[in-house]
C-alpha atoms as a PDB file:
ATOM      1  CA  MET A   1      84.154  89.050  72.134  1.00  0.00           C
ATOM      2  CA  ASN A   2      87.424  87.457  73.219  1.00  0.00           C
ATOM      3  CA  TRP A   3      86.260  85.728  76.415  1.00  0.00           C
ATOM      4  CA  GLN A   4      89.734  84.504  77.293  1.00  0.00           C
ATOM      5  CA  LEU A   5      91.079  88.059  77.234  1.00  0.00           C
ATOM      6  CA  PHE A   6      88.051  89.198  79.244  1.00  0.00           C
ATOM      7  CA  GLY A   7      88.879  86.614  81.901  1.00  0.00           C
ATOM      8  CA  GLU A   8      92.550  87.545  81.961  1.00  0.00           C
ATOM      9  CA  THR A   9      91.750  91.254  82.251  1.00  0.00           C
ATOM     10  CA  PHE A  10      89.172  90.721  84.990  1.00  0.00           C
ATOM     11  CA  VAL A  11      91.317  88.388  87.091  1.00  0.00           C
ATOM     12  CA  THR A  12      94.443  90.565  86.771  1.00  0.00           C
ATOM     13  CA  LEU A  13      92.667  93.786  87.738  1.00  0.00           C
ATOM     14  CA  PHE A  14      90.682  92.011  90.472  1.00  0.00           C
ATOM     15  CA  VAL A  15      93.901  90.832  92.116  1.00  0.00           C
ATOM     16  CA  ILE A  16      95.601  94.229  91.744  1.00  0.00           C
ATOM     17  CA  MET A  17      92.660  96.404  92.827  1.00  0.00           C
ATOM     18  CA  ASP A  18      91.572  93.883  95.523  1.00  0.00           C
ATOM     19  CA  PRO A  19      87.883  94.758  96.208  1.00  0.00           C
ATOM     20  CA  LEU A  20      87.771  92.805  99.483  1.00  0.00           C
ATOM     21  CA  GLY A  21      91.044  94.299 100.733  1.00  0.00           C
ATOM     22  CA  THR A  22      89.697  97.758  99.976  1.00  0.00           C
ATOM     23  CA  VAL A  23      86.817  97.393 102.437  1.00  0.00           C
ATOM     24  CA  PRO A  24      88.772  98.015 105.699  1.00  0.00           C
ATOM     25  CA  ILE A  25      90.607 100.975 104.173  1.00  0.00           C
ATOM     26  CA  PHE A  26      87.306 102.363 102.879  1.00  0.00           C
ATOM     27  CA  LEU A  27      85.771 101.977 106.341  1.00  0.00           C
ATOM     28  CA  GLY A  28      88.736 103.723 107.938  1.00  0.00           C
ATOM     29  CA  LEU A  29      88.630 106.699 105.575  1.00  0.00           C
ATOM     30  CA  THR A  30      84.841 107.062 105.781  1.00  0.00           C
ATOM     31  CA  ALA A  31      84.420 106.339 109.502  1.00  0.00           C
ATOM     32  CA  PRO A  32      82.777 109.746 110.271  1.00  0.00           C
ATOM     33  CA  PHE A  33      80.393 109.427 107.306  1.00  0.00           C
ATOM     34  CA  SER A  34      76.705 108.597 107.442  1.00  0.00           C
ATOM     35  CA  THR A  35      75.348 105.647 105.465  1.00  0.00           C
ATOM     36  CA  ALA A  36      74.235 107.926 102.619  1.00  0.00           C
ATOM     37  CA  GLU A  37      77.598 109.711 102.545  1.00  0.00           C
ATOM     38  CA  ARG A  38      79.466 106.399 102.526  1.00  0.00           C
ATOM     39  CA  SER A  39      77.344 105.156  99.635  1.00  0.00           C
ATOM     40  CA  ARG A  40      78.001 108.365  97.699  1.00  0.00           C
ATOM     41  CA  ALA A  41      81.732 108.087  98.415  1.00  0.00           C
ATOM     42  CA  ALA A  42      81.758 104.516  97.089  1.00  0.00           C
ATOM     43  CA  ARG A  43      80.042 105.603  93.887  1.00  0.00           C
ATOM     44  CA  GLN A  44      82.350 108.585  93.390  1.00  0.00           C
ATOM     45  CA  ALA A  45      85.494 106.543  94.096  1.00  0.00           C
ATOM     46  CA  VAL A  46      84.543 103.895  91.541  1.00  0.00           C
ATOM     47  CA  LEU A  47      83.647 106.491  88.895  1.00  0.00           C
ATOM     48  CA  VAL A  48      86.937 108.317  89.460  1.00  0.00           C
ATOM     49  CA  ALA A  49      88.903 105.060  89.293  1.00  0.00           C
ATOM     50  CA  LEU A  50      87.085 104.032  86.112  1.00  0.00           C
ATOM     51  CA  GLY A  51      87.729 107.433  84.544  1.00  0.00           C
ATOM     52  CA  VAL A  52      91.443 107.295  85.365  1.00  0.00           C
ATOM     53  CA  ILE A  53      91.812 103.721  84.064  1.00  0.00           C
ATOM     54  CA  VAL A  54      89.976 104.554  80.819  1.00  0.00           C
ATOM     55  CA  ALA A  55      91.986 107.758  80.321  1.00  0.00           C
ATOM     56  CA  PHE A  56      95.299 105.942  80.724  1.00  0.00           C
ATOM     57  CA  ALA A  57      94.104 103.047  78.552  1.00  0.00           C
ATOM     58  CA  LEU A  58      93.402 105.484  75.731  1.00  0.00           C
ATOM     59  CA  PHE A  59      96.087 108.121  76.191  1.00  0.00           C
ATOM     60  CA  GLY A  60      98.419 106.819  78.923  1.00  0.00           C
ATOM     61  CA  GLN A  61     101.520 106.130  76.905  1.00  0.00           C
ATOM     62  CA  ARG A  62     101.206 109.430  75.031  1.00  0.00           C
ATOM     63  CA  ILE A  63     100.819 111.345  78.306  1.00  0.00           C
ATOM     64  CA  LEU A  64     103.839 109.709  79.922  1.00  0.00           C
ATOM     65  CA  ASP A  65     105.972 110.140  76.806  1.00  0.00           C
ATOM     66  CA  TYR A  66     104.991 113.800  76.470  1.00  0.00           C
ATOM     67  CA  LEU A  67     105.862 114.514  80.118  1.00  0.00           C
ATOM     68  CA  HIS A  68     108.991 112.316  79.968  1.00  0.00           C
ATOM     69  CA  ILE A  69     107.690 110.232  82.878  1.00  0.00           C
ATOM     70  CA  SER A  70     108.608 106.566  83.196  1.00  0.00           C
ATOM     71  CA  LEU A  71     106.244 103.952  84.627  1.00  0.00           C
ATOM     72  CA  PRO A  72     108.505 103.357  87.678  1.00  0.00           C
ATOM     73  CA  ALA A  73     108.366 107.098  88.430  1.00  0.00           C
ATOM     74  CA  LEU A  74     104.576 106.954  88.357  1.00  0.00           C
ATOM     75  CA  GLN A  75     104.685 103.908  90.605  1.00  0.00           C
ATOM     76  CA  ALA A  76     106.989 105.604  93.139  1.00  0.00           C
ATOM     77  CA  ALA A  77     104.763 108.690  93.281  1.00  0.00           C
ATOM     78  CA  GLY A  78     101.693 106.553  93.943  1.00  0.00           C
ATOM     79  CA  GLY A  79     103.548 104.654  96.659  1.00  0.00           C
ATOM     80  CA  LEU A  80     104.606 107.825  98.467  1.00  0.00           C
ATOM     81  CA  LEU A  81     101.077 109.205  98.379  1.00  0.00           C
ATOM     82  CA  LEU A  82      99.678 105.951  99.769  1.00  0.00           C
ATOM     83  CA  LEU A  83     102.312 106.022 102.529  1.00  0.00           C
ATOM     84  CA  LEU A  84     101.100 109.438 103.685  1.00  0.00           C
ATOM     85  CA  ILE A  85      97.533 108.157 103.887  1.00  0.00           C
ATOM     86  CA  ALA A  86      98.678 105.017 105.722  1.00  0.00           C
ATOM     87  CA  LEU A  87     100.443 107.145 108.350  1.00  0.00           C
ATOM     88  CA  GLU A  88      97.218 109.090 108.917  1.00  0.00           C
ATOM     89  CA  LEU A  89      95.298 105.855 109.443  1.00  0.00           C
ATOM     90  CA  LEU A  90      97.945 104.503 111.843  1.00  0.00           C
ATOM     91  CA  THR A  91      98.262 107.669 113.943  1.00  0.00           C
ATOM     92  CA  GLY A  92      94.561 108.469 114.001  1.00  0.00           C
ATOM     93  CA  LYS A  93      94.974 111.851 112.359  1.00  0.00           C
ATOM     94  CA  GLY A  94      92.413 110.784 109.794  1.00  0.00           C
ATOM     95  CA  ASP A  95      89.828 110.643 112.618  1.00  0.00           C
ATOM     96  CA  GLU A  96      90.076 114.382 113.297  1.00  0.00           C
ATOM     97  CA  PRO A  97      87.207 116.366 111.721  1.00  0.00           C
ATOM     98  CA  THR A  98      89.549 119.070 110.458  1.00  0.00           C
ATOM     99  CA  SER A  99      91.625 116.580 108.505  1.00  0.00           C
ATOM    100  CA  THR A 100      88.905 116.054 105.902  1.00  0.00           C
ATOM    101  CA  VAL A 101      87.588 119.596 105.619  1.00  0.00           C
ATOM    102  CA  GLY A 102      87.498 120.525 101.965  1.00  0.00           C
ATOM    103  CA  VAL A 103      88.933 117.129 101.000  1.00  0.00           C
ATOM    104  CA  ASN A 104      86.915 114.477  99.186  1.00  0.00           C
ATOM    105  CA  VAL A 105      88.471 111.148 100.174  1.00  0.00           C
ATOM    106  CA  ALA A 106      86.453 109.465  97.422  1.00  0.00           C
ATOM    107  CA  LEU A 107      88.687 111.214  94.886  1.00  0.00           C
ATOM    108  CA  VAL A 108      92.046 110.961  96.703  1.00  0.00           C
ATOM    109  CA  PRO A 109      93.154 108.508  98.001  1.00  0.00           C
ATOM    110  CA  LEU A 110      90.239 106.136  97.274  1.00  0.00           C
ATOM    111  CA  GLY A 111      89.634 106.761  93.583  1.00  0.00           C
ATOM    112  CA  THR A 112      93.316 107.199  92.942  1.00  0.00           C
ATOM    113  CA  PRO A 113      95.900 105.956  93.782  1.00  0.00           C
ATOM    114  CA  LEU A 114      94.243 103.249  95.942  1.00  0.00           C
ATOM    115  CA  LEU A 115      91.861 101.844  93.312  1.00  0.00           C
ATOM    116  CA  ALA A 116      93.301 103.264  90.106  1.00  0.00           C
ATOM    117  CA  GLY A 117      96.911 102.882  91.196  1.00  0.00           C
ATOM    118  CA  PRO A 118     100.087 102.356  89.188  1.00  0.00           C
ATOM    119  CA  GLY A 119      99.598  98.591  89.052  1.00  0.00           C
ATOM    120  CA  ALA A 120      96.090  98.775  87.593  1.00  0.00           C
ATOM    121  CA  ILE A 121      97.075 101.560  85.208  1.00  0.00           C
ATOM    122  CA  VAL A 122     100.139  99.727  83.906  1.00  0.00           C
ATOM    123  CA  ALA A 123      98.264  96.405  83.554  1.00  0.00           C
ATOM    124  CA  THR A 124      95.485  98.055  81.562  1.00  0.00           C
ATOM    125  CA  MET A 125      97.952  99.902  79.338  1.00  0.00           C
ATOM    126  CA  VAL A 126      99.783  96.638  78.591  1.00  0.00           C
ATOM    127  CA  TYR A 127      96.557  94.818  77.649  1.00  0.00           C
ATOM    128  CA  VAL A 128      95.509  97.680  75.358  1.00  0.00           C
ATOM    129  CA  GLN A 129      98.909  97.770  73.655  1.00  0.00           C
ATOM    130  CA  GLN A 130      98.778  94.015  73.035  1.00  0.00           C
ATOM    131  CA  SER A 131      95.173  93.984  71.800  1.00  0.00           C
ATOM    132  CA  ARG A 132      94.276  93.335  68.167  1.00  0.00           C
ATOM    133  CA  GLY A 133      90.902  94.335  66.764  1.00  0.00           C
ATOM    134  CA  TRP A 134      87.558  95.367  68.234  1.00  0.00           C
ATOM    135  CA  ASP A 135      86.938  91.973  69.832  1.00  0.00           C
ATOM    136  CA  ASP A 136      89.988  92.442  72.067  1.00  0.00           C
ATOM    137  CA  HIS A 137      89.090  96.044  72.847  1.00  0.00           C
ATOM    138  CA  LEU A 138      85.555  95.002  73.813  1.00  0.00           C
ATOM    139  CA  ALA A 139      86.876  92.207  76.045  1.00  0.00           C
ATOM    140  CA  ILE A 140      89.254  94.590  77.859  1.00  0.00           C
ATOM    141  CA  ALA A 141      86.504  97.191  78.311  1.00  0.00           C
ATOM    142  CA  ALA A 142      84.095  94.575  79.687  1.00  0.00           C
ATOM    143  CA  GLY A 143      86.750  93.266  82.068  1.00  0.00           C
ATOM    144  CA  VAL A 144      87.514  96.748  83.365  1.00  0.00           C
ATOM    145  CA  VAL A 145      83.825  97.551  83.909  1.00  0.00           C
ATOM    146  CA  ALA A 146      83.172  94.198  85.634  1.00  0.00           C
ATOM    147  CA  VAL A 147      85.981  94.788  88.126  1.00  0.00           C
ATOM    148  CA  HIS A 148      84.684  98.281  88.929  1.00  0.00           C
ATOM    149  CA  VAL A 149      81.173  96.907  89.498  1.00  0.00           C
ATOM    150  CA  THR A 150      82.700  94.438  91.969  1.00  0.00           C
ATOM    151  CA  LEU A 151      84.582  97.272  93.678  1.00  0.00           C
ATOM    152  CA  TYR A 152      81.392  99.297  94.033  1.00  0.00           C
ATOM    153  CA  LEU A 153      79.466  96.380  95.547  1.00  0.00           C
ATOM    154  CA  ALA A 154      82.276  95.711  98.037  1.00  0.00           C
ATOM    155  CA  MET A 155      82.348  99.338  99.227  1.00  0.00           C
ATOM    156  CA  ARG A 156      78.586  99.865  98.960  1.00  0.00           C
ATOM    157  CA  PHE A 157      77.938  97.099 101.487  1.00  0.00           C
ATOM    158  CA  ALA A 158      80.872  98.044 103.710  1.00  0.00           C
ATOM    159  CA  GLY A 159      78.237  99.652 105.948  1.00  0.00           C
ATOM    160  CA  VAL A 160      77.010  96.181 106.852  1.00  0.00           C
ATOM    161  CA  VAL A 161      80.514  95.403 108.064  1.00  0.00           C
ATOM    162  CA  HIS A 162      80.473  98.673 110.054  1.00  0.00           C
ATOM    163  CA  ARG A 163      77.247  97.724 111.837  1.00  0.00           C
ATOM    164  CA  VAL A 164      78.620  94.288 112.683  1.00  0.00           C
ATOM    165  CA  LEU A 165      81.965  95.533 114.012  1.00  0.00           C
ATOM    166  CA  GLY A 166      80.813  98.698 115.778  1.00  0.00           C
ATOM    167  CA  ASP A 167      82.968 101.805 116.338  1.00  0.00           C
ATOM    168  CA  SER A 168      85.662  99.964 118.308  1.00  0.00           C
ATOM    169  CA  GLY A 169      85.924  97.254 115.696  1.00  0.00           C
ATOM    170  CA  VAL A 170      86.186  99.805 112.902  1.00  0.00           C
ATOM    171  CA  LEU A 171      88.966 101.580 114.820  1.00  0.00           C
ATOM    172  CA  LEU A 172      90.879  98.299 115.082  1.00  0.00           C
ATOM    173  CA  VAL A 173      90.309  97.554 111.396  1.00  0.00           C
ATOM    174  CA  THR A 174      91.467 101.077 110.538  1.00  0.00           C
ATOM    175  CA  ARG A 175      94.801 100.574 112.316  1.00  0.00           C
ATOM    176  CA  VAL A 176      95.318  97.186 110.649  1.00  0.00           C
ATOM    177  CA  ALA A 177      94.402  98.707 107.288  1.00  0.00           C
ATOM    178  CA  GLY A 178      96.931 101.471 107.856  1.00  0.00           C
ATOM    179  CA  LEU A 179      99.630  98.890 108.499  1.00  0.00           C
ATOM    180  CA  LEU A 180      98.725  96.905 105.380  1.00  0.00           C
ATOM    181  CA  LEU A 181      98.477 100.055 103.267  1.00  0.00           C
ATOM    182  CA  SER A 182     101.903 101.198 104.433  1.00  0.00           C
ATOM    183  CA  ALA A 183     103.333  97.824 103.383  1.00  0.00           C
ATOM    184  CA  ILE A 184     101.702  98.175  99.950  1.00  0.00           C
ATOM    185  CA  ALA A 185     103.144 101.677  99.627  1.00  0.00           C
ATOM    186  CA  VAL A 186     106.666 100.574 100.569  1.00  0.00           C
ATOM    187  CA  GLN A 187     106.447  97.686  98.098  1.00  0.00           C
ATOM    188  CA  LEU A 188     105.435 100.081  95.308  1.00  0.00           C
ATOM    189  CA  VAL A 189     108.382 102.358  96.060  1.00  0.00           C
ATOM    190  CA  ALA A 190     110.771  99.398  96.374  1.00  0.00           C
ATOM    191  CA  ASP A 191     109.673  98.022  92.990  1.00  0.00           C
ATOM    192  CA  ALA A 192     110.154 101.456  91.440  1.00  0.00           C
ATOM    193  CA  VAL A 193     113.649 101.814  92.934  1.00  0.00           C
ATOM    194  CA  ARG A 194     114.535  98.324  91.679  1.00  0.00           C
ATOM    195  CA  ALA A 195     113.414  99.311  88.194  1.00  0.00           C
ATOM    196  CA  PHE A 196     115.571 102.452  88.304  1.00  0.00           C
ATOM    197  CA  VAL A 197     118.618 100.512  89.540  1.00  0.00           C
ATOM    198  CA  THR A 198     118.268  97.791  86.902  1.00  0.00           C
ATOM    199  CA  GLY A 199     117.798 100.371  84.167  1.00  0.00           C
ATOM    200  CA  GLU A 200     114.191  99.497  83.353  1.00  0.00           C
ATOM    201  CA  ALA A 201     113.016 103.072  83.893  1.00  0.00           C
END
Protein backbone atom coordinates (compact mmCIF):
# COMPACT_ATOMS: atom_id res chain seq x y z
CA MET A 1 0.00 0.00 0.00
CA ASN A 2 1.16 3.54 -0.74
CA TRP A 3 1.58 4.83 2.82
CA GLN A 4 2.47 8.33 1.70
CA LEU A 5 -0.78 8.62 -0.24
CA PHE A 6 -2.65 7.16 2.74
CA GLY A 7 -1.19 9.89 4.95
CA GLU A 8 -2.00 12.62 2.45
CA THR A 9 -5.57 11.39 2.04
CA PHE A 10 -6.14 11.05 5.78
CA VAL A 11 -4.68 14.44 6.70
CA THR A 12 -6.52 16.27 3.89
CA LEU A 13 -9.91 14.76 4.72
CA PHE A 14 -9.30 15.15 8.46
CA VAL A 15 -8.73 18.88 8.04
CA ILE A 16 -11.72 19.30 5.70
CA MET A 17 -14.21 17.16 7.65
CA ASP A 18 -12.87 18.39 11.04
CA PRO A 19 -14.01 15.69 13.54
CA LEU A 20 -13.39 17.91 16.59
CA GLY A 21 -15.17 20.90 15.04
CA THR A 22 -18.14 18.68 14.27
CA VAL A 23 -18.76 17.91 17.95
CA PRO A 24 -20.49 21.21 18.94
CA ILE A 25 -22.65 21.16 15.81
CA PHE A 26 -23.54 17.52 16.48
CA LEU A 27 -24.48 18.39 20.06
CA GLY A 28 -26.62 21.29 18.88
CA LEU A 29 -28.53 19.22 16.32
CA THR A 30 -29.03 16.28 18.70
CA ALA A 31 -29.72 18.25 21.89
CA PRO A 32 -33.21 16.69 22.43
CA PHE A 33 -31.88 13.16 21.83
CA SER A 34 -31.24 10.51 24.45
CA THR A 35 -27.81 8.90 24.73
CA ALA A 36 -28.91 5.90 22.65
CA GLU A 37 -30.47 8.14 20.00
CA ARG A 38 -27.34 10.29 19.83
CA SER A 39 -25.18 7.20 19.40
CA ARG A 40 -27.44 5.93 16.62
CA ALA A 41 -27.36 9.35 14.93
CA ALA A 42 -23.55 9.34 15.02
CA ARG A 43 -23.44 5.91 13.41
CA GLN A 44 -25.98 6.82 10.74
CA ALA A 45 -24.27 10.13 9.93
CA VAL A 46 -20.89 8.45 9.45
CA LEU A 47 -22.36 5.67 7.29
CA VAL A 48 -24.19 8.21 5.13
CA ALA A 49 -21.06 10.35 4.78
CA LEU A 50 -18.98 7.29 3.89
CA GLY A 51 -21.56 6.18 1.33
CA VAL A 52 -21.65 9.61 -0.32
CA ILE A 53 -17.84 9.89 -0.42
CA VAL A 54 -17.47 6.39 -1.91
CA ALA A 55 -20.23 7.02 -4.47
CA PHE A 56 -18.61 10.24 -5.67
CA ALA A 57 -15.15 8.64 -5.65
CA LEU A 58 -16.40 5.95 -8.00
CA PHE A 59 -18.97 7.78 -10.11
CA GLY A 60 -18.70 11.47 -9.16
CA GLN A 61 -17.25 12.89 -12.33
CA ARG A 62 -19.65 10.87 -14.50
CA ILE A 63 -22.63 12.07 -12.45
CA LEU A 64 -21.63 15.72 -12.64
CA ASP A 65 -20.85 15.51 -16.35
CA TYR A 66 -24.16 13.78 -17.09
CA LEU A 67 -26.13 16.43 -15.18
CA HIS A 68 -23.96 19.27 -16.55
CA ILE A 69 -23.11 20.36 -13.01
CA SER A 70 -19.80 22.03 -12.24
CA LEU A 71 -17.94 21.54 -8.95
CA PRO A 72 -18.45 25.22 -7.94
CA ALA A 73 -22.21 24.76 -8.43
CA LEU A 74 -22.13 21.76 -6.11
CA GLN A 75 -20.11 23.78 -3.62
CA ALA A 76 -22.57 26.72 -3.70
CA ALA A 77 -25.54 24.40 -3.16
CA GLY A 78 -23.86 22.81 -0.14
CA GLY A 79 -23.04 26.24 1.26
CA LEU A 80 -26.63 27.46 0.98
CA LEU A 81 -27.96 24.34 2.67
CA LEU A 82 -25.47 24.72 5.52
CA LEU A 83 -26.48 28.38 5.89
CA LEU A 84 -30.11 27.38 6.45
CA ILE A 85 -29.07 24.95 9.18
CA ALA A 86 -26.80 27.57 10.76
CA LEU A 87 -29.70 30.04 10.95
CA GLU A 88 -31.78 27.43 12.76
CA LEU A 89 -29.01 26.89 15.30
CA LEU A 90 -28.57 30.65 15.83
CA THR A 91 -32.27 31.45 16.21
CA GLY A 92 -33.12 28.40 18.29
CA LYS A 93 -35.66 27.07 15.82
CA GLY A 94 -33.79 23.79 15.85
CA ASP A 95 -34.74 23.42 19.54
CA GLU A 96 -38.47 23.23 18.76
CA PRO A 97 -39.80 19.64 18.78
CA THR A 98 -41.81 20.19 15.60
CA SER A 99 -38.73 21.22 13.65
CA THR A 100 -37.35 17.68 13.58
CA VAL A 101 -40.57 15.74 13.12
CA GLY A 102 -40.11 13.36 10.24
CA VAL A 103 -36.56 14.64 9.67
CA ASN A 104 -33.48 12.55 10.38
CA VAL A 105 -30.70 15.04 11.15
CA ALA A 106 -28.18 12.20 10.89
CA LEU A 107 -28.83 12.13 7.14
CA VAL A 108 -29.18 15.89 6.48
CA PRO A 109 -27.35 18.02 7.48
CA LEU A 110 -24.94 15.80 9.45
CA GLY A 111 -24.19 13.05 6.95
CA THR A 112 -24.28 15.49 4.08
CA PRO A 113 -23.37 18.27 3.48
CA LEU A 114 -21.68 18.78 6.89
CA LEU A 115 -19.46 15.67 6.86
CA ALA A 116 -19.59 14.66 3.21
CA GLY A 117 -19.55 18.21 1.90
CA PRO A 118 -18.25 19.66 -1.36
CA GLY A 119 -14.71 19.98 -0.03
CA ALA A 120 -14.43 16.33 1.01
CA ILE A 121 -16.13 15.15 -2.17
CA VAL A 122 -13.88 17.19 -4.46
CA ALA A 123 -10.70 16.20 -2.56
CA THR A 124 -11.57 12.52 -2.80
CA MET A 125 -12.42 12.79 -6.49
CA VAL A 126 -9.07 14.48 -7.18
CA TYR A 127 -7.11 11.77 -5.34
CA VAL A 128 -8.96 9.02 -7.23
CA GLN A 129 -8.34 10.69 -10.59
CA GLN A 130 -4.63 11.01 -9.83
CA SER A 131 -4.23 7.46 -8.50
CA ARG A 132 -2.32 4.79 -10.40
CA GLY A 133 -2.81 1.11 -9.65
CA TRP A 134 -4.38 -0.89 -6.83
CA ASP A 135 -1.82 0.25 -4.27
CA ASP A 136 -3.00 3.85 -4.66
CA HIS A 137 -6.66 2.85 -4.62
CA LEU A 138 -6.12 0.84 -1.43
CA ALA A 139 -4.31 3.75 0.23
CA ILE A 140 -7.13 6.18 -0.63
CA ALA A 141 -9.78 3.73 0.61
CA ALA A 142 -7.90 3.18 3.88
CA GLY A 143 -7.49 6.92 4.38
CA VAL A 144 -11.19 7.55 3.81
CA VAL A 145 -12.22 4.79 6.23
CA ALA A 146 -9.74 5.97 8.90
CA VAL A 147 -11.14 9.51 8.81
CA HIS A 148 -14.71 8.22 9.14
CA VAL A 149 -13.72 6.07 12.13
CA THR A 150 -12.28 9.22 13.74
CA LEU A 151 -15.50 11.10 12.97
CA TYR A 152 -17.59 8.37 14.59
CA LEU A 153 -15.47 8.34 17.75
CA ALA A 154 -15.69 12.13 18.04
CA MET A 155 -19.50 12.12 17.77
CA ARG A 156 -19.98 8.89 19.73
CA PHE A 157 -18.34 10.42 22.80
CA ALA A 158 -19.97 13.83 22.34
CA GLY A 159 -22.34 12.71 25.11
CA VAL A 160 -19.46 12.99 27.56
CA VAL A 161 -19.10 16.61 26.52
CA HIS A 162 -22.87 17.05 27.02
CA ARG A 163 -22.71 15.74 30.59
CA VAL A 164 -19.79 18.03 31.39
CA LEU A 165 -21.36 21.18 29.93
CA GLY A 166 -24.98 20.63 30.97
CA ASP A 167 -28.03 22.01 29.12
CA SER A 168 -26.97 25.66 29.46
CA GLY A 169 -23.49 24.91 28.21
CA VAL A 170 -24.84 22.97 25.24
CA LEU A 171 -27.13 25.90 24.40
CA LEU A 172 -24.13 28.25 24.40
CA VAL A 173 -22.11 25.82 22.28
CA THR A 174 -25.04 25.50 19.89
CA ARG A 175 -25.15 29.26 19.28
CA VAL A 176 -21.38 29.41 18.77
CA ALA A 177 -21.59 26.42 16.42
CA GLY A 178 -24.31 28.17 14.45
CA LEU A 179 -22.09 31.21 14.04
CA LEU A 180 -19.12 29.10 12.92
CA LEU A 181 -21.29 27.03 10.58
CA SER A 182 -22.70 30.16 8.98
CA ALA A 183 -19.14 31.39 8.35
CA ILE A 184 -18.25 28.04 6.75
CA ALA A 185 -21.36 28.26 4.57
CA VAL A 186 -20.60 31.81 3.42
CA GLN A 187 -17.02 30.81 2.62
CA LEU A 188 -18.25 27.90 0.49
CA VAL A 189 -20.58 30.18 -1.46
CA ALA A 190 -17.89 32.86 -1.81
CA ASP A 191 -15.40 30.32 -3.19
CA ALA A 192 -18.02 29.09 -5.64
CA VAL A 193 -18.82 32.64 -6.81
CA ARG A 194 -15.09 33.33 -7.22
CA ALA A 195 -14.76 30.23 -9.37
CA PHE A 196 -17.68 31.34 -11.56
CA VAL A 197 -16.25 34.86 -11.95
CA THR A 198 -12.77 33.62 -12.84
CA GLY A 199 -14.18 31.13 -15.32
CA GLU A 200 -13.15 28.00 -13.43
CA ALA A 201 -16.70 26.64 -13.39
